[in-house]
N, C-alpha and C. Protein backbone atom coordinates (compact mmCIF):
# COMPACT_ATOMS: atom_id res chain seq x y z
N MET A 1 -4.32 2.22 -2.03
CA MET A 1 -3.30 1.61 -0.79
C MET A 1 -4.26 0.25 -1.10
N CYS A 2 -3.94 -0.75 -1.04
CA CYS A 2 -3.87 -2.16 -1.76
C CYS A 2 -3.07 -3.37 0.28
N LEU A 3 -4.42 -3.07 0.50
CA LEU A 3 -4.13 -4.20 2.10
C LEU A 3 -4.71 -5.69 2.02
N ALA A 4 -3.99 -6.70 2.24
CA ALA A 4 -4.03 -7.96 2.71
C ALA A 4 -3.54 -8.65 4.05
N ILE A 5 -5.03 -9.33 4.09
CA ILE A 5 -5.50 -9.49 6.19
C ILE A 5 -5.05 -10.48 6.01
N PRO A 6 -4.01 -11.06 7.12
CA PRO A 6 -3.69 -12.28 7.71
C PRO A 6 -5.10 -13.14 7.90
N MET A 7 -4.52 -13.81 7.91
CA MET A 7 -6.53 -14.87 8.75
C MET A 7 -5.64 -16.79 8.77
N GLN A 8 -6.13 -17.11 10.04
CA GLN A 8 -5.72 -18.23 10.35
C GLN A 8 -7.36 -19.16 9.46
N ILE A 9 -6.97 -20.17 8.22
CA ILE A 9 -7.98 -21.16 8.08
C ILE A 9 -8.99 -22.54 9.33
N THR A 10 -9.74 -22.01 9.54
CA THR A 10 -11.12 -22.95 10.39
C THR A 10 -11.68 -23.92 9.64
N THR A 11 -12.26 -23.88 8.46
CA THR A 11 -12.20 -25.72 7.56
C THR A 11 -11.88 -24.97 6.07
N ILE A 12 -12.34 -26.45 5.31
CA ILE A 12 -11.61 -26.22 4.43
C ILE A 12 -13.07 -27.29 3.72
N ASP A 13 -13.64 -26.74 1.48
CA ASP A 13 -14.52 -27.86 1.18
C ASP A 13 -13.78 -27.55 -0.24
N GLY A 14 -12.47 -28.06 -0.98
CA GLY A 14 -12.70 -27.69 -2.17
C GLY A 14 -11.89 -26.36 -1.95
N PHE A 15 -11.63 -25.92 -2.74
CA PHE A 15 -10.60 -24.15 -2.79
C PHE A 15 -11.74 -23.32 -2.44
N LEU A 16 -13.23 -23.43 -1.37
CA LEU A 16 -13.35 -22.72 -0.71
C LEU A 16 -13.13 -22.74 1.16
N ALA A 17 -12.50 -21.87 2.09
CA ALA A 17 -12.89 -22.18 3.09
C ALA A 17 -13.32 -21.56 3.91
N GLN A 18 -13.51 -21.41 5.35
CA GLN A 18 -13.80 -19.97 5.58
C GLN A 18 -12.55 -19.81 7.07
N ALA A 19 -12.15 -18.56 7.09
CA ALA A 19 -11.03 -17.79 7.86
C ALA A 19 -11.60 -16.68 9.27
N ALA A 20 -10.87 -16.88 9.59
CA ALA A 20 -11.30 -16.10 11.22
C ALA A 20 -9.43 -15.57 11.47
N ALA A 21 -9.87 -13.85 11.66
CA ALA A 21 -8.89 -13.04 12.10
C ALA A 21 -9.42 -11.80 12.89
N LYS A 22 -9.09 -11.86 14.56
CA LYS A 22 -9.46 -10.85 15.24
C LYS A 22 -11.08 -10.89 15.81
N GLY A 23 -11.68 -12.32 15.45
CA GLY A 23 -12.90 -12.42 15.28
C GLY A 23 -14.22 -11.79 14.53
N VAL A 24 -12.67 -12.03 13.13
CA VAL A 24 -13.84 -12.35 12.67
C VAL A 24 -13.85 -13.26 11.39
N ALA A 25 -14.61 -13.43 10.53
CA ALA A 25 -15.00 -14.83 9.62
C ALA A 25 -14.69 -15.06 8.30
N ARG A 26 -14.78 -14.76 7.83
CA ARG A 26 -15.09 -14.19 5.44
C ARG A 26 -14.65 -16.07 4.93
N GLU A 27 -15.54 -16.30 4.66
CA GLU A 27 -15.29 -17.52 3.22
C GLU A 27 -13.79 -16.83 2.02
N VAL A 28 -13.20 -17.80 2.46
CA VAL A 28 -11.48 -17.22 1.81
C VAL A 28 -11.29 -18.43 -0.03
N ASN A 29 -11.10 -17.85 -0.86
CA ASN A 29 -10.83 -18.82 -1.73
C ASN A 29 -9.40 -19.44 -2.13
N LEU A 30 -9.25 -20.64 -2.48
CA LEU A 30 -7.54 -20.75 -1.63
C LEU A 30 -7.43 -21.32 -4.08
N PHE A 31 -7.74 -21.26 -4.72
CA PHE A 31 -6.87 -21.42 -5.98
C PHE A 31 -6.22 -21.19 -6.24
N LEU A 32 -5.98 -20.25 -5.38
CA LEU A 32 -4.91 -19.40 -5.88
C LEU A 32 -3.20 -20.04 -4.95
N LEU A 33 -3.58 -20.71 -4.86
CA LEU A 33 -2.98 -21.67 -3.86
C LEU A 33 -2.41 -23.14 -3.80
N GLN A 34 -3.47 -23.58 -5.19
CA GLN A 34 -3.85 -25.13 -5.60
C GLN A 34 -2.16 -25.50 -5.61
N ASP A 35 -1.36 -24.99 -5.72
CA ASP A 35 0.06 -26.22 -5.68
C ASP A 35 0.49 -25.96 -4.82
N GLU A 36 -0.20 -25.14 -3.45
CA GLU A 36 0.64 -25.10 -2.22
C GLU A 36 -0.49 -25.10 -0.67
N MET A 37 -1.90 -26.40 -0.92
CA MET A 37 -2.51 -26.04 -0.23
C MET A 37 -2.21 -25.19 0.86
N PRO A 38 -2.81 -25.05 1.77
CA PRO A 38 -3.45 -24.99 3.52
C PRO A 38 -4.18 -25.80 3.14
N ALA A 39 -3.72 -26.06 5.25
CA ALA A 39 -4.65 -26.67 5.90
C ALA A 39 -5.16 -26.33 7.47
N VAL A 40 -6.46 -26.22 7.91
CA VAL A 40 -7.04 -25.73 8.85
C VAL A 40 -6.28 -25.24 9.85
N GLY A 41 -5.91 -24.78 9.76
CA GLY A 41 -4.80 -24.06 10.73
C GLY A 41 -3.73 -23.73 10.56
N ASP A 42 -3.68 -22.91 9.79
CA ASP A 42 -2.74 -22.99 9.05
C ASP A 42 -2.76 -21.46 8.81
N TYR A 43 -1.79 -20.40 8.71
CA TYR A 43 -2.09 -18.71 8.42
C TYR A 43 -1.40 -18.38 6.99
N VAL A 44 -3.19 -17.69 6.39
CA VAL A 44 -2.71 -17.52 5.32
C VAL A 44 -3.37 -15.91 4.59
N MET A 45 -2.53 -15.23 3.95
CA MET A 45 -2.44 -13.46 3.75
C MET A 45 -4.19 -13.07 2.93
N VAL A 46 -4.34 -12.48 3.09
CA VAL A 46 -5.79 -12.57 2.49
C VAL A 46 -6.58 -11.39 2.04
N HIS A 47 -6.22 -11.48 0.14
CA HIS A 47 -7.40 -9.93 -0.36
C HIS A 47 -8.14 -9.75 -1.49
N VAL A 48 -8.39 -8.91 -1.32
CA VAL A 48 -10.01 -9.15 -1.79
C VAL A 48 -10.83 -11.22 -1.93
N GLY A 49 -11.02 -11.54 -0.62
CA GLY A 49 -11.34 -12.90 -1.05
C GLY A 49 -11.05 -13.77 -1.36
N TYR A 50 -9.23 -13.87 -1.72
CA TYR A 50 -9.09 -14.92 -1.97
C TYR A 50 -7.09 -15.02 -1.59
N ALA A 51 -6.79 -16.05 -1.12
CA ALA A 51 -5.78 -16.17 -0.09
C ALA A 51 -4.25 -16.34 -0.93
N ILE A 52 -3.71 -15.43 -0.61
CA ILE A 52 -2.92 -15.35 -1.47
C ILE A 52 -1.36 -16.20 -1.46
N GLN A 53 -1.27 -16.46 -0.49
CA GLN A 53 0.38 -16.82 0.56
C GLN A 53 0.00 -17.45 1.85
N THR A 54 0.06 -18.40 1.92
CA THR A 54 0.64 -19.02 2.88
C THR A 54 1.31 -18.57 3.70
N MET A 55 1.87 -17.72 5.21
CA MET A 55 2.55 -18.16 5.76
C MET A 55 2.06 -18.89 7.41
N SER A 56 3.81 -18.08 8.51
CA SER A 56 3.04 -18.89 9.75
C SER A 56 3.02 -17.54 10.72
N GLU A 57 2.50 -18.78 12.04
CA GLU A 57 2.23 -17.77 13.15
C GLU A 57 3.06 -16.39 13.84
N ALA A 58 4.21 -17.13 13.95
CA ALA A 58 4.14 -16.04 13.52
C ALA A 58 5.08 -14.79 12.96
N GLU A 59 4.45 -14.95 11.33
CA GLU A 59 4.45 -13.74 10.90
C GLU A 59 3.20 -13.11 10.71
N ALA A 60 2.25 -13.88 11.04
CA ALA A 60 0.83 -13.22 11.44
C ALA A 60 0.17 -12.55 11.64
N GLN A 61 1.27 -12.96 13.54
CA GLN A 61 0.79 -12.19 14.40
C GLN A 61 2.18 -10.49 14.48
N SER A 62 3.44 -11.61 13.31
CA SER A 62 3.87 -10.13 13.20
C SER A 62 2.82 -8.78 11.94
N ALA A 63 2.39 -9.52 11.92
CA ALA A 63 0.97 -8.02 10.46
C ALA A 63 0.60 -7.75 11.54
N TRP A 64 -0.57 -8.75 12.27
CA TRP A 64 -1.41 -8.04 13.29
C TRP A 64 -1.04 -6.56 13.92
N GLU A 65 0.38 -6.78 14.55
CA GLU A 65 1.15 -5.72 15.40
C GLU A 65 1.27 -4.86 15.03
N LEU A 66 1.99 -4.84 13.72
CA LEU A 66 1.62 -3.35 12.85
C LEU A 66 0.16 -2.86 12.02
N TYR A 67 -0.31 -3.83 11.75
CA TYR A 67 -1.06 -2.97 11.52
C TYR A 67 -2.30 -2.48 12.86
N ASP A 68 -2.08 -3.23 14.41
CA ASP A 68 -2.67 -2.28 15.26
C ASP A 68 -2.05 -0.83 15.44
N GLU A 69 -0.56 -1.04 15.12
CA GLU A 69 0.02 0.28 15.63
C GLU A 69 -0.07 0.94 14.60
N MET A 70 -0.47 0.34 13.46
CA MET A 70 -0.75 1.89 12.27
C MET A 70 -2.33 2.09 12.91
N LEU A 71 -3.13 1.12 13.20
CA LEU A 71 -4.49 1.56 13.47
C LEU A 71 -4.59 3.06 14.56
N ALA A 72 -3.50 2.49 16.26
CA ALA A 72 -3.67 3.84 17.08
C ALA A 72 -2.89 4.92 16.61
N ILE A 73 -1.69 5.03 15.82
CA ILE A 73 -1.46 6.21 14.63
C ILE A 73 -2.51 7.07 14.29
N GLU A 74 -3.41 6.26 13.33
CA GLU A 74 -4.89 6.58 12.34
C GLU A 74 -5.59 7.27 13.49
N SER A 75 -5.83 7.13 14.66
CA SER A 75 -7.18 7.82 15.28
C SER A 75 -6.27 8.70 16.08
N ALA A 76 -4.89 8.95 16.33
CA ALA A 76 -4.52 9.64 17.30
C ALA A 76 -4.34 10.85 16.65
N MET A 77 -4.16 11.32 15.42
CA MET A 77 -4.04 12.06 14.42
C MET A 77 -5.16 12.34 14.85
N HIS A 78 -6.28 11.71 14.91
CA HIS A 78 -7.56 11.98 14.14
C HIS A 78 -8.39 12.55 15.07
N ARG A 79 -7.49 12.35 16.32
CA ARG A 79 -8.01 12.97 18.37
C ARG A 79 -6.54 14.57 18.03
N ALA A 80 -6.06 14.58 17.22
CA ALA A 80 -5.33 16.07 17.74
C ALA A 80 -6.05 17.00 16.98
């Protein structure tokens, strides 16, 4: 299964950005979004180090809530 993670851009230098989510920072390549370049503060969906789409803060929060639910279910299954 492939999973993309919503992250917020903190800095941009050309096509490279620093982005953060849940206390984790990563370098993200923005090349795939060159036609709609995000700005610092924007949220992007990141897959294998590449931003693949921009998203709203509400969409990012919704995705994180869903991922947290999935992790809670998985954790409960392993404890049983």
